[in-house]
Amino acid sequence: MKLACELAVMDMDGEITAVAVGEDSAKFHGMLRLNEEGADIVNILNMSREHDGITFPNLVASLQTKYTESSREEIAKFTEAFLKQLWQEGLLVE
């Protein structure tokens, strides 16, 4: 899976947001409000756009290296819910 467009993640006065950048701004005109975990997922997905995307297990494994206090199941549950939202917005492709 990978993002349909490149999203720039920004922290503006403690509020994390993401917007499409460059030519991709014509594909997505909105702004996403993110928490820290969502921002990490978007950043990982952005990096994987240059390749063939990333698998769900690899995405969860990458997040586990940062969120060591959370179980794999907790990370997978949050990640799945977040990816579903991205999919519904048309921001995620397989």
C-alpha atoms as a PDB file:
ATOM      1  CA  MET A   1       0.000   0.000   0.000  1.00  0.00           C
ATOM      2  CA  LYS A   2       1.033   3.589  -0.506  1.00  0.00           C
ATOM      3  CA  LEU A   3      -0.307   7.115  -0.434  1.00  0.00           C
ATOM      4  CA  ALA A   4      -2.111   8.360  -3.530  1.00  0.00           C
ATOM      5  CA  CYS A   5      -0.345  11.700  -3.140  1.00  0.00           C
ATOM      6  CA  GLU A   6       2.567  13.155  -1.230  1.00  0.00           C
ATOM      7  CA  LEU A   7       1.515  14.735   2.048  1.00  0.00           C
ATOM      8  CA  ALA A   8       3.619  17.238   3.974  1.00  0.00           C
ATOM      9  CA  VAL A   9       3.294  16.819   7.739  1.00  0.00           C
ATOM     10  CA  MET A  10       3.617  20.018   9.763  1.00  0.00           C
ATOM     11  CA  ASP A  11       3.409  20.901  13.436  1.00  0.00           C
ATOM     12  CA  MET A  12       1.797  24.317  13.785  1.00  0.00           C
ATOM     13  CA  ASP A  13       1.665  25.463  17.398  1.00  0.00           C
ATOM     14  CA  GLY A  14       1.171  21.917  18.678  1.00  0.00           C
ATOM     15  CA  GLU A  15      -1.423  20.927  16.073  1.00  0.00           C
ATOM     16  CA  ILE A  16      -0.133  18.384  13.586  1.00  0.00           C
ATOM     17  CA  THR A  17      -1.561  18.630  10.082  1.00  0.00           C
ATOM     18  CA  ALA A  18      -0.884  17.183   6.653  1.00  0.00           C
ATOM     19  CA  VAL A  19      -1.545  18.728   3.248  1.00  0.00           C
ATOM     20  CA  ALA A  20      -0.831  17.571  -0.284  1.00  0.00           C
ATOM     21  CA  VAL A  21       2.192  19.218  -1.868  1.00  0.00           C
ATOM     22  CA  GLY A  22       3.392  20.003  -5.362  1.00  0.00           C
ATOM     23  CA  GLU A  23       1.390  18.598  -8.251  1.00  0.00           C
ATOM     24  CA  ASP A  24      -0.412  16.335  -5.777  1.00  0.00           C
ATOM     25  CA  SER A  25      -2.197  19.358  -4.312  1.00  0.00           C
ATOM     26  CA  ALA A  26      -4.559  19.130  -7.303  1.00  0.00           C
ATOM     27  CA  LYS A  27      -5.549  15.618  -6.150  1.00  0.00           C
ATOM     28  CA  PHE A  28      -6.306  16.470  -2.520  1.00  0.00           C
ATOM     29  CA  HIS A  29      -7.447  19.941  -1.521  1.00  0.00           C
ATOM     30  CA  GLY A  30      -8.071  19.297   2.153  1.00  0.00           C
ATOM     31  CA  MET A  31      -6.025  19.184   5.313  1.00  0.00           C
ATOM     32  CA  LEU A  32      -5.708  16.279   7.722  1.00  0.00           C
ATOM     33  CA  ARG A  33      -5.495  16.832  11.459  1.00  0.00           C
ATOM     34  CA  LEU A  34      -3.223  14.203  12.942  1.00  0.00           C
ATOM     35  CA  ASN A  35      -2.034  12.948  16.274  1.00  0.00           C
ATOM     36  CA  GLU A  36       1.593  11.878  16.692  1.00  0.00           C
ATOM     37  CA  GLU A  37       0.923   8.282  15.664  1.00  0.00           C
ATOM     38  CA  GLY A  38      -1.008   9.357  12.564  1.00  0.00           C
ATOM     39  CA  ALA A  39       1.830  11.691  11.590  1.00  0.00           C
ATOM     40  CA  ASP A  40       4.312   8.825  11.935  1.00  0.00           C
ATOM     41  CA  ILE A  41       2.160   6.616   9.705  1.00  0.00           C
ATOM     42  CA  VAL A  42       1.873   9.334   7.057  1.00  0.00           C
ATOM     43  CA  ASN A  43       5.639   9.938   7.164  1.00  0.00           C
ATOM     44  CA  ILE A  44       6.364   6.222   6.725  1.00  0.00           C
ATOM     45  CA  LEU A  45       3.872   6.013   3.861  1.00  0.00           C
ATOM     46  CA  ASN A  46       5.455   9.090   2.242  1.00  0.00           C
ATOM     47  CA  MET A  47       8.870   7.427   2.331  1.00  0.00           C
ATOM     48  CA  SER A  48       7.464   4.229   0.839  1.00  0.00           C
ATOM     49  CA  ARG A  49       5.923   6.096  -2.140  1.00  0.00           C
ATOM     50  CA  GLU A  50       9.354   6.203  -3.759  1.00  0.00           C
ATOM     51  CA  HIS A  51       9.426   2.410  -3.757  1.00  0.00           C
ATOM     52  CA  ASP A  52       6.607  -0.071  -4.215  1.00  0.00           C
ATOM     53  CA  GLY A  53       4.783   0.966  -1.050  1.00  0.00           C
ATOM     54  CA  ILE A  54       4.829  -0.886   2.256  1.00  0.00           C
ATOM     55  CA  THR A  55       3.019  -3.904   3.596  1.00  0.00           C
ATOM     56  CA  PHE A  56       0.811  -3.684   6.659  1.00  0.00           C
ATOM     57  CA  PRO A  57       3.100  -5.974   8.729  1.00  0.00           C
ATOM     58  CA  ASN A  58       6.153  -3.869   7.816  1.00  0.00           C
ATOM     59  CA  LEU A  59       4.318  -0.658   8.693  1.00  0.00           C
ATOM     60  CA  VAL A  60       3.353  -2.047  12.102  1.00  0.00           C
ATOM     61  CA  ALA A  61       6.913  -3.304  12.667  1.00  0.00           C
ATOM     62  CA  SER A  62       8.290   0.141  11.851  1.00  0.00           C
ATOM     63  CA  LEU A  63       5.920   1.764  14.335  1.00  0.00           C
ATOM     64  CA  GLN A  64       6.864  -0.794  17.011  1.00  0.00           C
ATOM     65  CA  THR A  65      10.419   0.524  17.016  1.00  0.00           C
ATOM     66  CA  LYS A  66       9.130   3.901  18.259  1.00  0.00           C
ATOM     67  CA  TYR A  67       6.134   2.871  20.361  1.00  0.00           C
ATOM     68  CA  THR A  68       7.819   0.198  22.439  1.00  0.00           C
ATOM     69  CA  GLU A  69       5.386   0.675  25.333  1.00  0.00           C
ATOM     70  CA  SER A  70       2.452  -0.442  23.149  1.00  0.00           C
ATOM     71  CA  SER A  71       1.757  -4.026  22.167  1.00  0.00           C
ATOM     72  CA  ARG A  72       1.869  -5.128  18.538  1.00  0.00           C
ATOM     73  CA  GLU A  73      -1.890  -5.696  18.721  1.00  0.00           C
ATOM     74  CA  GLU A  74      -2.543  -2.131  19.939  1.00  0.00           C
ATOM     75  CA  ILE A  75      -0.370  -0.687  17.194  1.00  0.00           C
ATOM     76  CA  ALA A  76      -2.002  -2.880  14.550  1.00  0.00           C
ATOM     77  CA  LYS A  77      -5.507  -1.913  15.695  1.00  0.00           C
ATOM     78  CA  PHE A  78      -4.792   1.829  15.591  1.00  0.00           C
ATOM     79  CA  THR A  79      -2.933   1.544  12.299  1.00  0.00           C
ATOM     80  CA  GLU A  80      -5.759  -0.399  10.668  1.00  0.00           C
ATOM     81  CA  ALA A  81      -8.335   2.173  11.780  1.00  0.00           C
ATOM     82  CA  PHE A  82      -6.190   5.062  10.547  1.00  0.00           C
ATOM     83  CA  LEU A  83      -5.525   3.396   7.187  1.00  0.00           C
ATOM     84  CA  LYS A  84      -9.262   2.844   6.777  1.00  0.00           C
ATOM     85  CA  GLN A  85      -9.797   6.606   7.165  1.00  0.00           C
ATOM     86  CA  LEU A  86      -7.091   7.344   4.590  1.00  0.00           C
ATOM     87  CA  TRP A  87      -8.704   4.825   2.230  1.00  0.00           C
ATOM     88  CA  GLN A  88     -12.126   6.433   2.646  1.00  0.00           C
ATOM     89  CA  GLU A  89     -10.616   9.839   1.798  1.00  0.00           C
ATOM     90  CA  GLY A  90      -9.057   8.379  -1.363  1.00  0.00           C
ATOM     91  CA  LEU A  91      -5.560   8.945  -0.019  1.00  0.00           C
ATOM     92  CA  LEU A  92      -4.442   5.325   0.094  1.00  0.00           C
ATOM     93  CA  VAL A  93      -3.891   2.936  -2.802  1.00  0.00           C
ATOM     94  CA  GLU A  94      -2.730  -0.637  -2.893  1.00  0.00           C
END
